[in-house]
Amino acid sequence: LIPEVNPEHLALIEIQKRRRGWSGYITTNPNCSTTHLVSALHPLHERFGVTKVFVVTMQAISGAGYPGVSSMDILDNVVPYISGEEEKM
């Protein structure tokens, strides 16, 4: 759900509440890279029809699960692949 891109999905909240008999609801926020990527691509897709995108992101090593000072091992290096990140996009 990215309200600036697909606000119509907010209508699903009431459907979810009704079907599950809940007074509240569950919604998630997308990956931080996805939010900005989609916000930029949405108007381009609306106008021109984007069919494929190649994305490179630069992530903090702490996001890859490297703890505190141990992350110094990565100094002056690049982690070229962090498994599971592409599914978040």
N, C-alpha and C. Protein backbone atom coordinates (compact mmCIF):
# COMPACT_ATOMS: atom_id res chain seq x y z
N LEU A 1 0.84 -1.18 0.00
CA LEU A 1 0.00 0.00 0.00
C LEU A 1 0.88 1.23 0.00
N ILE A 2 0.76 2.01 -1.03
CA ILE A 2 1.43 3.31 -1.11
C ILE A 2 0.33 4.30 -1.46
N PRO A 3 -0.23 4.98 -0.46
CA PRO A 3 -1.41 5.82 -0.69
C PRO A 3 -1.26 6.84 -1.82
N GLU A 4 -0.05 7.33 -2.04
CA GLU A 4 0.15 8.29 -3.12
C GLU A 4 0.04 7.64 -4.50
N VAL A 5 0.16 6.33 -4.55
CA VAL A 5 0.14 5.61 -5.83
C VAL A 5 -1.15 4.80 -5.99
N ASN A 6 -1.56 4.09 -4.96
CA ASN A 6 -2.75 3.23 -5.07
C ASN A 6 -3.73 3.46 -3.91
N PRO A 7 -4.26 4.68 -3.77
CA PRO A 7 -5.16 4.97 -2.65
C PRO A 7 -6.43 4.13 -2.67
N GLU A 8 -6.80 3.61 -3.83
CA GLU A 8 -8.01 2.77 -3.91
C GLU A 8 -7.87 1.50 -3.06
N HIS A 9 -6.65 1.10 -2.76
CA HIS A 9 -6.45 -0.09 -1.93
C HIS A 9 -6.87 0.13 -0.48
N LEU A 10 -7.00 1.40 -0.08
CA LEU A 10 -7.46 1.69 1.27
C LEU A 10 -8.87 1.15 1.50
N ALA A 11 -9.65 1.02 0.43
CA ALA A 11 -11.01 0.48 0.55
C ALA A 11 -10.99 -0.96 1.05
N LEU A 12 -9.90 -1.66 0.84
CA LEU A 12 -9.79 -3.05 1.29
C LEU A 12 -9.76 -3.17 2.80
N ILE A 13 -9.43 -2.09 3.49
CA ILE A 13 -9.40 -2.12 4.95
C ILE A 13 -10.78 -2.46 5.50
N GLU A 14 -11.80 -1.80 5.00
CA GLU A 14 -13.17 -2.06 5.49
C GLU A 14 -13.61 -3.48 5.14
N ILE A 15 -13.22 -3.97 3.98
CA ILE A 15 -13.55 -5.34 3.59
C ILE A 15 -12.87 -6.32 4.53
N GLN A 16 -11.60 -6.09 4.83
CA GLN A 16 -10.86 -6.95 5.75
C GLN A 16 -11.52 -6.96 7.13
N LYS A 17 -11.87 -5.81 7.63
CA LYS A 17 -12.49 -5.72 8.96
C LYS A 17 -13.82 -6.48 8.98
N ARG A 18 -14.62 -6.29 7.94
CA ARG A 18 -15.94 -6.94 7.88
C ARG A 18 -15.79 -8.46 7.77
N ARG A 19 -14.94 -8.93 6.89
CA ARG A 19 -14.78 -10.38 6.69
C ARG A 19 -14.22 -11.09 7.91
N ARG A 20 -13.35 -10.42 8.65
CA ARG A 20 -12.72 -11.05 9.80
C ARG A 20 -13.42 -10.72 11.11
N GLY A 21 -14.39 -9.82 11.06
CA GLY A 21 -15.09 -9.44 12.27
C GLY A 21 -14.22 -8.62 13.22
N TRP A 22 -13.30 -7.86 12.67
CA TRP A 22 -12.36 -7.08 13.47
C TRP A 22 -12.84 -5.64 13.60
N SER A 23 -12.43 -5.00 14.69
CA SER A 23 -12.67 -3.57 14.82
C SER A 23 -11.47 -2.78 14.30
N GLY A 24 -10.32 -3.44 14.23
CA GLY A 24 -9.11 -2.83 13.69
C GLY A 24 -8.74 -3.47 12.37
N TYR A 25 -7.54 -3.25 11.94
CA TYR A 25 -7.10 -3.83 10.67
C TYR A 25 -5.59 -3.98 10.66
N ILE A 26 -5.11 -4.74 9.68
CA ILE A 26 -3.67 -4.92 9.49
C ILE A 26 -3.31 -4.37 8.12
N THR A 27 -2.31 -3.54 8.11
CA THR A 27 -1.75 -3.07 6.84
C THR A 27 -0.23 -3.01 7.02
N THR A 28 0.48 -3.11 5.94
CA THR A 28 1.94 -3.08 6.02
C THR A 28 2.47 -1.94 5.16
N ASN A 29 3.67 -1.57 5.45
CA ASN A 29 4.32 -0.58 4.60
C ASN A 29 5.36 -1.31 3.74
N PRO A 30 5.56 -0.84 2.52
CA PRO A 30 6.53 -1.49 1.65
C PRO A 30 7.96 -1.18 2.05
N ASN A 31 8.87 -1.91 1.48
CA ASN A 31 10.31 -1.68 1.64
C ASN A 31 10.61 -0.22 1.29
N CYS A 32 11.55 0.38 2.02
CA CYS A 32 11.86 1.80 1.82
C CYS A 32 12.30 2.10 0.39
N SER A 33 13.06 1.23 -0.21
CA SER A 33 13.48 1.46 -1.60
C SER A 33 12.29 1.39 -2.54
N THR A 34 11.38 0.49 -2.27
CA THR A 34 10.20 0.31 -3.11
C THR A 34 9.33 1.55 -3.10
N THR A 35 9.13 2.14 -1.93
CA THR A 35 8.28 3.32 -1.82
C THR A 35 8.75 4.43 -2.75
N HIS A 36 10.02 4.74 -2.70
CA HIS A 36 10.54 5.83 -3.53
C HIS A 36 10.60 5.45 -5.00
N LEU A 37 10.94 4.22 -5.28
CA LEU A 37 11.00 3.77 -6.66
C LEU A 37 9.62 3.85 -7.31
N VAL A 38 8.62 3.31 -6.63
CA VAL A 38 7.27 3.29 -7.19
C VAL A 38 6.70 4.70 -7.30
N SER A 39 6.98 5.54 -6.32
CA SER A 39 6.50 6.93 -6.38
C SER A 39 7.05 7.65 -7.61
N ALA A 40 8.29 7.38 -7.95
CA ALA A 40 8.89 8.00 -9.14
C ALA A 40 8.41 7.35 -10.43
N LEU A 41 8.24 6.04 -10.42
CA LEU A 41 7.86 5.32 -11.64
C LEU A 41 6.38 5.44 -11.98
N HIS A 42 5.54 5.63 -10.99
CA HIS A 42 4.09 5.64 -11.22
C HIS A 42 3.66 6.63 -12.31
N PRO A 43 4.05 7.91 -12.23
CA PRO A 43 3.63 8.82 -13.30
C PRO A 43 4.21 8.46 -14.67
N LEU A 44 5.42 7.91 -14.67
CA LEU A 44 6.01 7.47 -15.94
C LEU A 44 5.24 6.30 -16.52
N HIS A 45 4.83 5.38 -15.65
CA HIS A 45 4.05 4.23 -16.11
C HIS A 45 2.68 4.68 -16.63
N GLU A 46 2.07 5.60 -15.92
CA GLU A 46 0.76 6.12 -16.36
C GLU A 46 0.87 6.76 -17.74
N ARG A 47 1.94 7.46 -17.98
CA ARG A 47 2.10 8.20 -19.23
C ARG A 47 2.64 7.34 -20.38
N PHE A 48 3.63 6.49 -20.07
CA PHE A 48 4.33 5.78 -21.13
C PHE A 48 4.23 4.26 -21.07
N GLY A 49 3.79 3.70 -19.93
CA GLY A 49 3.67 2.25 -19.81
C GLY A 49 5.00 1.56 -19.56
N VAL A 50 5.55 1.72 -18.39
CA VAL A 50 6.81 1.08 -18.02
C VAL A 50 6.59 -0.43 -17.97
N THR A 51 7.44 -1.20 -18.64
CA THR A 51 7.29 -2.66 -18.64
C THR A 51 8.42 -3.38 -17.93
N LYS A 52 9.57 -2.73 -17.79
CA LYS A 52 10.70 -3.39 -17.14
C LYS A 52 11.58 -2.32 -16.49
N VAL A 53 12.11 -2.66 -15.32
CA VAL A 53 12.99 -1.74 -14.60
C VAL A 53 14.14 -2.54 -14.02
N PHE A 54 15.34 -2.02 -14.15
CA PHE A 54 16.51 -2.60 -13.49
C PHE A 54 16.88 -1.67 -12.35
N VAL A 55 17.05 -2.23 -11.18
CA VAL A 55 17.27 -1.41 -9.98
C VAL A 55 18.54 -1.84 -9.27
N VAL A 56 19.29 -0.87 -8.83
CA VAL A 56 20.44 -1.10 -7.95
C VAL A 56 20.20 -0.26 -6.71
N THR A 57 20.29 -0.88 -5.54
CA THR A 57 20.15 -0.11 -4.31
C THR A 57 21.43 -0.25 -3.49
N MET A 58 21.72 0.75 -2.74
CA MET A 58 22.85 0.74 -1.82
C MET A 58 22.26 0.69 -0.42
N GLN A 59 22.52 -0.38 0.29
CA GLN A 59 21.92 -0.59 1.61
C GLN A 59 22.97 -0.46 2.70
N ALA A 60 22.53 -0.06 3.87
CA ALA A 60 23.42 -0.04 5.02
C ALA A 60 23.79 -1.47 5.39
N ILE A 61 25.02 -1.71 5.79
CA ILE A 61 25.40 -3.08 6.13
C ILE A 61 24.66 -3.57 7.36
N SER A 62 24.20 -2.66 8.20
CA SER A 62 23.41 -3.10 9.36
C SER A 62 22.11 -3.75 8.89
N GLY A 63 21.59 -3.33 7.74
CA GLY A 63 20.39 -3.93 7.19
C GLY A 63 20.62 -5.34 6.68
N ALA A 64 21.87 -5.68 6.44
CA ALA A 64 22.21 -7.02 5.97
C ALA A 64 22.43 -7.97 7.14
N GLY A 65 22.23 -7.47 8.35
CA GLY A 65 22.37 -8.32 9.52
C GLY A 65 23.72 -8.28 10.18
N TYR A 66 24.62 -7.42 9.71
CA TYR A 66 25.93 -7.31 10.35
C TYR A 66 25.78 -6.52 11.65
N PRO A 67 26.19 -7.08 12.77
CA PRO A 67 26.04 -6.38 14.04
C PRO A 67 27.14 -5.35 14.26
N GLY A 68 26.81 -4.31 14.98
CA GLY A 68 27.71 -3.26 15.45
C GLY A 68 29.14 -3.27 14.97
N VAL A 69 30.08 -3.46 15.87
CA VAL A 69 31.51 -3.35 15.58
C VAL A 69 31.97 -4.42 14.60
N SER A 70 31.33 -5.56 14.58
CA SER A 70 31.70 -6.60 13.61
C SER A 70 31.57 -6.08 12.19
N SER A 71 30.72 -5.08 12.02
CA SER A 71 30.54 -4.53 10.68
C SER A 71 31.80 -3.85 10.17
N MET A 72 32.75 -3.59 11.03
CA MET A 72 34.02 -3.00 10.59
C MET A 72 34.75 -3.94 9.62
N ASP A 73 34.41 -5.23 9.66
CA ASP A 73 35.02 -6.18 8.73
C ASP A 73 34.72 -5.81 7.28
N ILE A 74 33.64 -5.11 7.07
CA ILE A 74 33.21 -4.79 5.71
C ILE A 74 33.81 -3.48 5.21
N LEU A 75 34.52 -2.76 6.08
CA LEU A 75 35.09 -1.47 5.73
C LEU A 75 35.89 -1.55 4.43
N ASP A 76 35.64 -0.63 3.53
CA ASP A 76 36.29 -0.56 2.22
C ASP A 76 35.94 -1.74 1.32
N ASN A 77 34.84 -2.40 1.59
CA ASN A 77 34.38 -3.51 0.76
C ASN A 77 32.92 -3.27 0.37
N VAL A 78 32.43 -4.08 -0.53
CA VAL A 78 31.05 -4.01 -0.97
C VAL A 78 30.46 -5.40 -0.87
N VAL A 79 29.26 -5.50 -0.32
CA VAL A 79 28.54 -6.77 -0.32
C VAL A 79 27.70 -6.75 -1.59
N PRO A 80 28.07 -7.53 -2.61
CA PRO A 80 27.40 -7.43 -3.90
C PRO A 80 26.00 -8.04 -3.91
N TYR A 81 25.70 -8.87 -2.95
CA TYR A 81 24.40 -9.54 -2.97
C TYR A 81 23.97 -9.84 -1.55
N ILE A 82 22.79 -9.42 -1.21
CA ILE A 82 22.19 -9.75 0.08
C ILE A 82 20.94 -10.55 -0.22
N SER A 83 20.93 -11.81 0.12
CA SER A 83 19.81 -12.67 -0.25
C SER A 83 18.52 -12.18 0.38
N GLY A 84 17.45 -12.33 -0.37
CA GLY A 84 16.12 -11.98 0.11
C GLY A 84 15.71 -10.54 -0.16
N GLU A 85 16.65 -9.69 -0.55
CA GLU A 85 16.32 -8.28 -0.78
C GLU A 85 15.46 -8.08 -2.02
N GLU A 86 15.71 -8.85 -3.08
CA GLU A 86 14.96 -8.64 -4.31
C GLU A 86 13.48 -8.94 -4.14
N GLU A 87 13.14 -9.86 -3.24
CA GLU A 87 11.73 -10.18 -3.01
C GLU A 87 11.01 -9.00 -2.36
N LYS A 88 11.74 -8.17 -1.65
CA LYS A 88 11.12 -7.01 -1.00
C LYS A 88 10.72 -5.94 -2.00
N MET A 89 11.35 -5.97 -3.16
CA MET A 89 11.03 -4.98 -4.19
C MET A 89 9.89 -5.51 -5.01
